[in-house]
Amino acid sequence: MPTPPPIFDAHLHPEGLSDQDLESMRLFGVERALVVAHHFPEPTSKALLRHFDDLVERQLPRLERLGIRAYAALGVHPRCIPRRGLSEVLSALPGYFQGGRVVALGETGLHAGGEEEEEAFLEQLALARGLKLRVVVHTPTADKERHTRRILTLLRQSGLLPSRALVDHANARTVRTILEVGHWAGLTLHPEALKAERAVALVRRLGSERLMLDSDAGDGAGDILGLARAANLLAKASLSERIVRRITHENAARFFQVSG
């Protein structure tokens, strides 16, 4: 039986997971992970900055202690836009992008849509463009195709290089469009959205260019072993070892510009 390759989970929320959960992920092949800023009830600018500090100062070392090399993406989720003080948060963000552990801005994007979300998204894209950052872009479960089309329009209007945006939570209906305009696409393994078998079928159809896998584990009900299952299925499929390694590990390392 082929040995499943090492896994880079390109979207993880460890604050919602126990040490045992993370140890299980490591046992089943997750060697690296991107910790992504999350949403929470009643956000304020101070609470957002505390959240960023927790991810960098507590969650990254926690993952390292459990054997997972970790990096972070920090940004304002569309469900976490403060009523006041967004400019304060955005002004503080550049200070985090030093030292090599915070490697992207995110997750940002649209959830319900509307003027407030679009303005916050565009402001963060402008910041990312100015700082030449990679961006992790959220697409919602509800009405995904319509919101994805609007997100792609805003990305084009922002002037951010297409190759610097990872449009995440893509599905069978949106992934091809995301790739066609030059962005990277994330396939999120989730029991209520995209199952491992379906993700493998998409990889077999689309290939490995600018495509990566993630779990979104820690955000409600998830599947901490979904990536391991997908890696095992990919290793058994009629795909070259090179393609499998790209999908499970190398593409994420390349996009986030982390080596080793």
C-alpha atoms as a PDB file:
ATOM      1  CA  MET A   1       0.000   0.000   0.000  1.00  0.00           C
ATOM      2  CA  PRO A   2       1.387   3.480  -0.877  1.00  0.00           C
ATOM      3  CA  THR A   3       2.443   5.568   2.095  1.00  0.00           C
ATOM      4  CA  PRO A   4       0.293   8.716   2.427  1.00  0.00           C
ATOM      5  CA  PRO A   5       2.392  11.882   2.055  1.00  0.00           C
ATOM      6  CA  PRO A   6       2.907  14.493   4.783  1.00  0.00           C
ATOM      7  CA  ILE A   7       0.038  16.964   5.133  1.00  0.00           C
ATOM      8  CA  PHE A   8      -0.040  20.760   5.329  1.00  0.00           C
ATOM      9  CA  ASP A   9      -3.447  21.827   6.693  1.00  0.00           C
ATOM     10  CA  ALA A  10      -3.966  25.205   5.031  1.00  0.00           C
ATOM     11  CA  HIS A  11      -6.798  26.351   7.329  1.00  0.00           C
ATOM     12  CA  LEU A  12      -6.991  25.415  11.013  1.00  0.00           C
ATOM     13  CA  HIS A  13      -8.630  26.917  14.135  1.00  0.00           C
ATOM     14  CA  PRO A  14      -6.752  25.199  16.989  1.00  0.00           C
ATOM     15  CA  GLU A  15      -8.404  27.280  19.714  1.00  0.00           C
ATOM     16  CA  GLY A  16     -11.529  25.196  19.056  1.00  0.00           C
ATOM     17  CA  LEU A  17      -9.672  21.881  19.364  1.00  0.00           C
ATOM     18  CA  SER A  18      -8.290  19.896  22.284  1.00  0.00           C
ATOM     19  CA  ASP A  19      -4.684  18.780  22.575  1.00  0.00           C
ATOM     20  CA  GLN A  20      -5.937  15.243  21.915  1.00  0.00           C
ATOM     21  CA  ASP A  21      -7.557  16.368  18.660  1.00  0.00           C
ATOM     22  CA  LEU A  22      -4.335  18.002  17.507  1.00  0.00           C
ATOM     23  CA  GLU A  23      -2.265  14.999  18.564  1.00  0.00           C
ATOM     24  CA  SER A  24      -4.557  12.785  16.473  1.00  0.00           C
ATOM     25  CA  MET A  25      -4.101  15.047  13.471  1.00  0.00           C
ATOM     26  CA  ARG A  26      -0.330  14.865  13.892  1.00  0.00           C
ATOM     27  CA  LEU A  27      -0.438  11.087  14.299  1.00  0.00           C
ATOM     28  CA  PHE A  28      -2.336  10.832  11.005  1.00  0.00           C
ATOM     29  CA  GLY A  29       0.112  12.906   9.022  1.00  0.00           C
ATOM     30  CA  VAL A  30      -0.480  16.634   9.589  1.00  0.00           C
ATOM     31  CA  GLU A  31       3.043  18.046   9.852  1.00  0.00           C
ATOM     32  CA  ARG A  32       2.325  21.719   9.142  1.00  0.00           C
ATOM     33  CA  ALA A  33      -0.671  23.997   9.522  1.00  0.00           C
ATOM     34  CA  LEU A  34      -1.866  27.533   8.942  1.00  0.00           C
ATOM     35  CA  VAL A  35      -3.710  28.969  11.939  1.00  0.00           C
ATOM     36  CA  VAL A  36      -6.353  31.379  10.629  1.00  0.00           C
ATOM     37  CA  ALA A  37      -8.034  34.268  12.477  1.00  0.00           C
ATOM     38  CA  HIS A  38     -11.602  33.386  13.335  1.00  0.00           C
ATOM     39  CA  HIS A  39     -14.981  34.953  14.114  1.00  0.00           C
ATOM     40  CA  PHE A  40     -16.609  35.206  17.533  1.00  0.00           C
ATOM     41  CA  PRO A  41     -19.702  36.870  19.067  1.00  0.00           C
ATOM     42  CA  GLU A  42     -19.778  40.630  19.656  1.00  0.00           C
ATOM     43  CA  PRO A  43     -16.367  41.547  18.266  1.00  0.00           C
ATOM     44  CA  THR A  44     -14.641  44.755  19.277  1.00  0.00           C
ATOM     45  CA  SER A  45     -11.325  46.131  18.100  1.00  0.00           C
ATOM     46  CA  LYS A  46      -9.713  45.224  21.439  1.00  0.00           C
ATOM     47  CA  ALA A  47     -11.138  41.701  21.335  1.00  0.00           C
ATOM     48  CA  LEU A  48      -9.828  41.216  17.794  1.00  0.00           C
ATOM     49  CA  LEU A  49      -6.338  42.285  18.789  1.00  0.00           C
ATOM     50  CA  ARG A  50      -6.484  39.949  21.803  1.00  0.00           C
ATOM     51  CA  HIS A  51      -7.507  37.176  19.400  1.00  0.00           C
ATOM     52  CA  PHE A  52      -4.529  37.915  17.150  1.00  0.00           C
ATOM     53  CA  ASP A  53      -2.199  37.901  20.163  1.00  0.00           C
ATOM     54  CA  ASP A  54      -3.628  34.579  21.352  1.00  0.00           C
ATOM     55  CA  LEU A  55      -3.053  32.950  17.973  1.00  0.00           C
ATOM     56  CA  VAL A  56       0.542  34.159  17.727  1.00  0.00           C
ATOM     57  CA  GLU A  57       1.611  33.896  21.363  1.00  0.00           C
ATOM     58  CA  ARG A  58      -0.349  30.834  22.513  1.00  0.00           C
ATOM     59  CA  GLN A  59      -1.699  28.750  19.634  1.00  0.00           C
ATOM     60  CA  LEU A  60       1.433  28.688  17.456  1.00  0.00           C
ATOM     61  CA  PRO A  61       3.667  27.501  20.342  1.00  0.00           C
ATOM     62  CA  ARG A  62       0.953  25.015  21.365  1.00  0.00           C
ATOM     63  CA  LEU A  63       0.950  23.412  17.928  1.00  0.00           C
ATOM     64  CA  GLU A  64       4.745  23.337  17.868  1.00  0.00           C
ATOM     65  CA  ARG A  65       4.736  21.575  21.246  1.00  0.00           C
ATOM     66  CA  LEU A  66       2.387  18.950  19.791  1.00  0.00           C
ATOM     67  CA  GLY A  67       4.667  18.374  16.806  1.00  0.00           C
ATOM     68  CA  ILE A  68       2.981  20.509  14.136  1.00  0.00           C
ATOM     69  CA  ARG A  69       5.000  23.293  12.509  1.00  0.00           C
ATOM     70  CA  ALA A  70       2.596  26.246  12.481  1.00  0.00           C
ATOM     71  CA  TYR A  71       2.159  29.627  10.838  1.00  0.00           C
ATOM     72  CA  ALA A  72      -0.621  32.192  11.074  1.00  0.00           C
ATOM     73  CA  ALA A  73      -2.920  34.321   8.943  1.00  0.00           C
ATOM     74  CA  LEU A  74      -4.424  37.352  10.653  1.00  0.00           C
ATOM     75  CA  GLY A  75      -7.307  39.468   9.411  1.00  0.00           C
ATOM     76  CA  VAL A  76     -10.904  40.504  10.047  1.00  0.00           C
ATOM     77  CA  HIS A  77     -13.422  37.795   9.165  1.00  0.00           C
ATOM     78  CA  PRO A  78     -16.605  39.139   7.509  1.00  0.00           C
ATOM     79  CA  ARG A  79     -18.581  37.815  10.492  1.00  0.00           C
ATOM     80  CA  CYS A  80     -16.246  39.621  12.894  1.00  0.00           C
ATOM     81  CA  ILE A  81     -16.277  43.248  11.710  1.00  0.00           C
ATOM     82  CA  PRO A  82     -16.343  45.559  14.754  1.00  0.00           C
ATOM     83  CA  ARG A  83     -18.992  48.269  14.844  1.00  0.00           C
ATOM     84  CA  ARG A  84     -16.256  50.740  15.710  1.00  0.00           C
ATOM     85  CA  GLY A  85     -12.489  50.548  15.518  1.00  0.00           C
ATOM     86  CA  LEU A  86     -11.855  48.643  12.278  1.00  0.00           C
ATOM     87  CA  SER A  87      -9.241  51.220  11.312  1.00  0.00           C
ATOM     88  CA  GLU A  88      -7.496  50.617  14.654  1.00  0.00           C
ATOM     89  CA  VAL A  89      -7.281  46.893  13.914  1.00  0.00           C
ATOM     90  CA  LEU A  90      -6.015  47.425  10.376  1.00  0.00           C
ATOM     91  CA  SER A  91      -3.427  49.930  11.616  1.00  0.00           C
ATOM     92  CA  ALA A  92      -2.115  47.338  14.068  1.00  0.00           C
ATOM     93  CA  LEU A  93      -1.928  44.482  11.565  1.00  0.00           C
ATOM     94  CA  PRO A  94       1.381  45.403   9.835  1.00  0.00           C
ATOM     95  CA  GLY A  95       3.218  44.966  13.121  1.00  0.00           C
ATOM     96  CA  TYR A  96       2.304  41.278  13.153  1.00  0.00           C
ATOM     97  CA  PHE A  97       3.806  40.573   9.718  1.00  0.00           C
ATOM     98  CA  GLN A  98       7.358  40.478  10.987  1.00  0.00           C
ATOM     99  CA  GLY A  99       9.398  37.540  12.125  1.00  0.00           C
ATOM    100  CA  GLY A 100       8.205  35.029   9.544  1.00  0.00           C
ATOM    101  CA  ARG A 101       5.412  33.325  11.499  1.00  0.00           C
ATOM    102  CA  VAL A 102       2.443  35.430  10.295  1.00  0.00           C
ATOM    103  CA  VAL A 103       2.527  34.693   6.576  1.00  0.00           C
ATOM    104  CA  ALA A 104      -0.831  35.912   5.228  1.00  0.00           C
ATOM    105  CA  LEU A 105      -3.755  38.228   5.826  1.00  0.00           C
ATOM    106  CA  GLY A 106      -7.016  36.462   6.539  1.00  0.00           C
ATOM    107  CA  GLU A 107      -9.431  35.199   6.630  1.00  0.00           C
ATOM    108  CA  THR A 108     -11.302  38.021   4.988  1.00  0.00           C
ATOM    109  CA  GLY A 109     -13.953  37.971   2.256  1.00  0.00           C
ATOM    110  CA  LEU A 110     -17.745  37.921   2.251  1.00  0.00           C
ATOM    111  CA  HIS A 111     -20.260  35.944   4.289  1.00  0.00           C
ATOM    112  CA  ALA A 112     -23.726  37.510   4.063  1.00  0.00           C
ATOM    113  CA  GLY A 113     -22.553  40.204   1.650  1.00  0.00           C
ATOM    114  CA  GLY A 114     -23.505  43.857   1.737  1.00  0.00           C
ATOM    115  CA  GLU A 115     -21.773  47.206   1.875  1.00  0.00           C
ATOM    116  CA  GLU A 116     -20.123  46.819   5.288  1.00  0.00           C
ATOM    117  CA  GLU A 117     -18.537  43.473   4.412  1.00  0.00           C
ATOM    118  CA  GLU A 118     -17.398  44.681   0.996  1.00  0.00           C
ATOM    119  CA  GLU A 119     -15.790  47.811   2.432  1.00  0.00           C
ATOM    120  CA  ALA A 120     -13.929  45.811   5.096  1.00  0.00           C
ATOM    121  CA  PHE A 121     -12.816  43.306   2.460  1.00  0.00           C
ATOM    122  CA  LEU A 122     -11.534  46.007   0.106  1.00  0.00           C
ATOM    123  CA  GLU A 123      -9.697  47.806   2.914  1.00  0.00           C
ATOM    124  CA  GLN A 124      -7.890  44.600   3.817  1.00  0.00           C
ATOM    125  CA  LEU A 125      -7.087  43.866   0.190  1.00  0.00           C
ATOM    126  CA  ALA A 126      -5.591  47.353  -0.117  1.00  0.00           C
ATOM    127  CA  LEU A 127      -3.469  46.676   2.969  1.00  0.00           C
ATOM    128  CA  ALA A 128      -2.355  43.328   1.557  1.00  0.00           C
ATOM    129  CA  ARG A 129      -1.513  44.911  -1.776  1.00  0.00           C
ATOM    130  CA  GLY A 130       0.567  47.612  -0.112  1.00  0.00           C
ATOM    131  CA  LEU A 131       2.445  45.102   2.049  1.00  0.00           C
ATOM    132  CA  LYS A 132       2.685  42.497  -0.753  1.00  0.00           C
ATOM    133  CA  LEU A 133       0.963  39.881   1.391  1.00  0.00           C
ATOM    134  CA  ARG A 134      -0.812  36.646   0.565  1.00  0.00           C
ATOM    135  CA  VAL A 135      -4.536  36.679   1.410  1.00  0.00           C
ATOM    136  CA  VAL A 136      -6.847  33.890   2.618  1.00  0.00           C
ATOM    137  CA  VAL A 137     -10.360  34.625   1.320  1.00  0.00           C
ATOM    138  CA  HIS A 138     -13.503  33.199   2.922  1.00  0.00           C
ATOM    139  CA  THR A 139     -16.440  32.066   0.794  1.00  0.00           C
ATOM    140  CA  PRO A 140     -19.685  31.184   2.609  1.00  0.00           C
ATOM    141  CA  THR A 141     -21.664  27.962   2.465  1.00  0.00           C
ATOM    142  CA  ALA A 142     -24.962  29.695   1.676  1.00  0.00           C
ATOM    143  CA  ASP A 143     -25.349  30.989  -1.893  1.00  0.00           C
ATOM    144  CA  LYS A 144     -21.694  30.167  -2.515  1.00  0.00           C
ATOM    145  CA  GLU A 145     -21.689  30.678  -6.278  1.00  0.00           C
ATOM    146  CA  ARG A 146     -23.154  34.185  -6.173  1.00  0.00           C
ATOM    147  CA  HIS A 147     -20.896  35.313  -3.345  1.00  0.00           C
ATOM    148  CA  THR A 148     -17.851  33.783  -5.015  1.00  0.00           C
ATOM    149  CA  ARG A 149     -18.565  35.709  -8.219  1.00  0.00           C
ATOM    150  CA  ARG A 150     -18.788  38.947  -6.216  1.00  0.00           C
ATOM    151  CA  ILE A 151     -15.579  38.110  -4.343  1.00  0.00           C
ATOM    152  CA  LEU A 152     -13.740  37.531  -7.609  1.00  0.00           C
ATOM    153  CA  THR A 153     -14.997  40.885  -8.910  1.00  0.00           C
ATOM    154  CA  LEU A 154     -13.752  42.686  -5.789  1.00  0.00           C
ATOM    155  CA  LEU A 155     -10.409  40.910  -5.962  1.00  0.00           C
ATOM    156  CA  ARG A 156      -9.999  42.078  -9.555  1.00  0.00           C
ATOM    157  CA  GLN A 157     -10.964  45.652  -8.630  1.00  0.00           C
ATOM    158  CA  SER A 158      -8.509  45.697  -5.720  1.00  0.00           C
ATOM    159  CA  GLY A 159      -5.461  45.340  -7.956  1.00  0.00           C
ATOM    160  CA  LEU A 160      -4.048  42.539  -5.809  1.00  0.00           C
ATOM    161  CA  LEU A 161      -2.056  40.096  -7.899  1.00  0.00           C
ATOM    162  CA  PRO A 162      -4.296  37.064  -8.545  1.00  0.00           C
ATOM    163  CA  SER A 163      -1.477  34.735  -7.507  1.00  0.00           C
ATOM    164  CA  ARG A 164      -1.515  36.226  -3.991  1.00  0.00           C
ATOM    165  CA  ALA A 165      -5.111  35.219  -3.179  1.00  0.00           C
ATOM    166  CA  LEU A 166      -6.215  31.840  -1.861  1.00  0.00           C
ATOM    167  CA  VAL A 167      -9.988  31.646  -2.342  1.00  0.00           C
ATOM    168  CA  ASP A 168     -10.981  29.079   0.241  1.00  0.00           C
ATOM    169  CA  HIS A 169     -13.886  26.682   0.815  1.00  0.00           C
ATOM    170  CA  ALA A 170     -14.239  26.158  -2.937  1.00  0.00           C
ATOM    171  CA  ASN A 171     -16.558  23.439  -4.195  1.00  0.00           C
ATOM    172  CA  ALA A 172     -17.251  21.619  -7.448  1.00  0.00           C
ATOM    173  CA  ARG A 173     -19.267  24.570  -8.779  1.00  0.00           C
ATOM    174  CA  THR A 174     -16.759  27.313  -7.951  1.00  0.00           C
ATOM    175  CA  VAL A 175     -13.266  25.838  -8.067  1.00  0.00           C
ATOM    176  CA  ARG A 176     -12.762  25.959 -11.818  1.00  0.00           C
ATOM    177  CA  THR A 177     -13.767  29.642 -12.023  1.00  0.00           C
ATOM    178  CA  ILE A 178     -11.395  30.514  -9.176  1.00  0.00           C
ATOM    179  CA  LEU A 179      -8.500  28.784 -10.888  1.00  0.00           C
ATOM    180  CA  GLU A 180      -9.288  30.198 -14.333  1.00  0.00           C
ATOM    181  CA  VAL A 181      -8.762  33.794 -13.153  1.00  0.00           C
ATOM    182  CA  GLY A 182      -5.372  32.971 -11.649  1.00  0.00           C
ATOM    183  CA  HIS A 183      -6.156  32.563  -7.941  1.00  0.00           C
ATOM    184  CA  TRP A 184      -5.307  29.603  -5.728  1.00  0.00           C
ATOM    185  CA  ALA A 185      -8.226  27.488  -4.512  1.00  0.00           C
ATOM    186  CA  GLY A 186      -8.692  25.743  -1.180  1.00  0.00           C
ATOM    187  CA  LEU A 187     -10.761  22.568  -0.883  1.00  0.00           C
ATOM    188  CA  THR A 188     -12.096  22.314   2.659  1.00  0.00           C
ATOM    189  CA  LEU A 189     -12.777  18.779   3.848  1.00  0.00           C
ATOM    190  CA  HIS A 190     -15.963  18.931   5.882  1.00  0.00           C
ATOM    191  CA  PRO A 191     -18.644  16.282   6.520  1.00  0.00           C
ATOM    192  CA  GLU A 192     -21.448  18.727   5.660  1.00  0.00           C
ATOM    193  CA  ALA A 193     -19.765  20.243   2.612  1.00  0.00           C
ATOM    194  CA  LEU A 194     -16.927  18.525   0.762  1.00  0.00           C
ATOM    195  CA  LYS A 195     -16.078  14.932   1.631  1.00  0.00           C
ATOM    196  CA  ALA A 196     -12.690  13.353   0.993  1.00  0.00           C
ATOM    197  CA  GLU A 197     -13.970  11.188  -1.861  1.00  0.00           C
ATOM    198  CA  ARG A 198     -15.369  14.215  -3.695  1.00  0.00           C
ATOM    199  CA  ALA A 199     -12.155  16.201  -3.176  1.00  0.00           C
ATOM    200  CA  VAL A 200     -10.126  13.369  -4.685  1.00  0.00           C
ATOM    201  CA  ALA A 201     -12.459  13.265  -7.691  1.00  0.00           C
ATOM    202  CA  LEU A 202     -11.926  17.010  -8.193  1.00  0.00           C
ATOM    203  CA  VAL A 203      -8.148  16.607  -8.040  1.00  0.00           C
ATOM    204  CA  ARG A 204      -8.290  13.813 -10.596  1.00  0.00           C
ATOM    205  CA  ARG A 205     -10.285  16.079 -12.911  1.00  0.00           C
ATOM    206  CA  LEU A 206      -8.469  19.376 -12.335  1.00  0.00           C
ATOM    207  CA  GLY A 207      -4.899  18.353 -11.583  1.00  0.00           C
ATOM    208  CA  SER A 208      -2.689  19.955  -8.949  1.00  0.00           C
ATOM    209  CA  GLU A 209      -1.993  23.478 -10.199  1.00  0.00           C
ATOM    210  CA  ARG A 210      -2.797  26.117  -7.499  1.00  0.00           C
ATOM    211  CA  LEU A 211      -4.974  23.708  -5.521  1.00  0.00           C
ATOM    212  CA  MET A 212      -4.617  22.773  -1.844  1.00  0.00           C
ATOM    213  CA  LEU A 213      -6.505  21.025   0.951  1.00  0.00           C
ATOM    214  CA  ASP A 214      -7.556  22.183   4.407  1.00  0.00           C
ATOM    215  CA  SER A 215      -9.798  21.079   7.269  1.00  0.00           C
ATOM    216  CA  ASP A 216     -11.234  24.274   8.822  1.00  0.00           C
ATOM    217  CA  ALA A 217     -11.199  22.114  11.963  1.00  0.00           C
ATOM    218  CA  GLY A 218     -12.078  23.959  15.149  1.00  0.00           C
ATOM    219  CA  ASP A 219     -14.942  25.900  13.561  1.00  0.00           C
ATOM    220  CA  GLY A 220     -17.954  23.940  14.765  1.00  0.00           C
ATOM    221  CA  ALA A 221     -18.548  20.376  13.621  1.00  0.00           C
ATOM    222  CA  GLY A 222     -15.635  19.208  11.516  1.00  0.00           C
ATOM    223  CA  ASP A 223     -13.546  16.191  10.626  1.00  0.00           C
ATOM    224  CA  ILE A 224     -10.068  16.192  12.138  1.00  0.00           C
ATOM    225  CA  LEU A 225      -9.160  13.117  10.079  1.00  0.00           C
ATOM    226  CA  GLY A 226     -10.631  14.327   6.789  1.00  0.00           C
ATOM    227  CA  LEU A 227      -7.257  15.386   5.418  1.00  0.00           C
ATOM    228  CA  ALA A 228      -5.658  12.071   6.380  1.00  0.00           C
ATOM    229  CA  ARG A 229      -8.487  10.234   4.650  1.00  0.00           C
ATOM    230  CA  ALA A 230      -8.079  12.351   1.518  1.00  0.00           C
ATOM    231  CA  ALA A 231      -4.288  11.850   1.525  1.00  0.00           C
ATOM    232  CA  ASN A 232      -4.775   8.089   1.796  1.00  0.00           C
ATOM    233  CA  LEU A 233      -7.300   8.080  -1.071  1.00  0.00           C
ATOM    234  CA  LEU A 234      -5.002  10.233  -3.207  1.00  0.00           C
ATOM    235  CA  ALA A 235      -2.092   7.862  -2.556  1.00  0.00           C
ATOM    236  CA  LYS A 236      -4.250   4.948  -3.744  1.00  0.00           C
ATOM    237  CA  ALA A 237      -5.612   6.783  -6.792  1.00  0.00           C
ATOM    238  CA  SER A 238      -4.078   6.643 -10.252  1.00  0.00           C
ATOM    239  CA  LEU A 239      -2.175   9.882  -9.696  1.00  0.00           C
ATOM    240  CA  SER A 240       1.556  10.478  -9.765  1.00  0.00           C
ATOM    241  CA  GLU A 241       3.367  10.842  -6.441  1.00  0.00           C
ATOM    242  CA  ARG A 242       4.348  14.343  -7.534  1.00  0.00           C
ATOM    243  CA  ILE A 243       0.720  15.432  -7.926  1.00  0.00           C
ATOM    244  CA  VAL A 244      -0.249  13.947  -4.580  1.00  0.00           C
ATOM    245  CA  ARG A 245       2.595  15.730  -2.778  1.00  0.00           C
ATOM    246  CA  ARG A 246       1.662  19.017  -4.417  1.00  0.00           C
ATOM    247  CA  ILE A 247      -1.946  18.787  -3.279  1.00  0.00           C
ATOM    248  CA  THR A 248      -1.300  17.614   0.254  1.00  0.00           C
ATOM    249  CA  HIS A 249       1.750  19.676   1.142  1.00  0.00           C
ATOM    250  CA  GLU A 250       3.884  21.443  -1.435  1.00  0.00           C
ATOM    251  CA  ASN A 251       1.318  23.861  -2.874  1.00  0.00           C
ATOM    252  CA  ALA A 252       0.496  25.275   0.553  1.00  0.00           C
ATOM    253  CA  ALA A 253       4.196  25.654   1.402  1.00  0.00           C
ATOM    254  CA  ARG A 254       4.758  27.385  -1.930  1.00  0.00           C
ATOM    255  CA  PHE A 255       1.780  29.744  -1.604  1.00  0.00           C
ATOM    256  CA  PHE A 256       2.604  30.795   1.947  1.00  0.00           C
ATOM    257  CA  GLN A 257       6.312  30.970   1.089  1.00  0.00           C
ATOM    258  CA  VAL A 258       7.514  28.744   3.899  1.00  0.00           C
ATOM    259  CA  SER A 259      10.350  26.295   3.397  1.00  0.00           C
ATOM    260  CA  GLY A 260      11.814  23.362   5.213  1.00  0.00           C
END
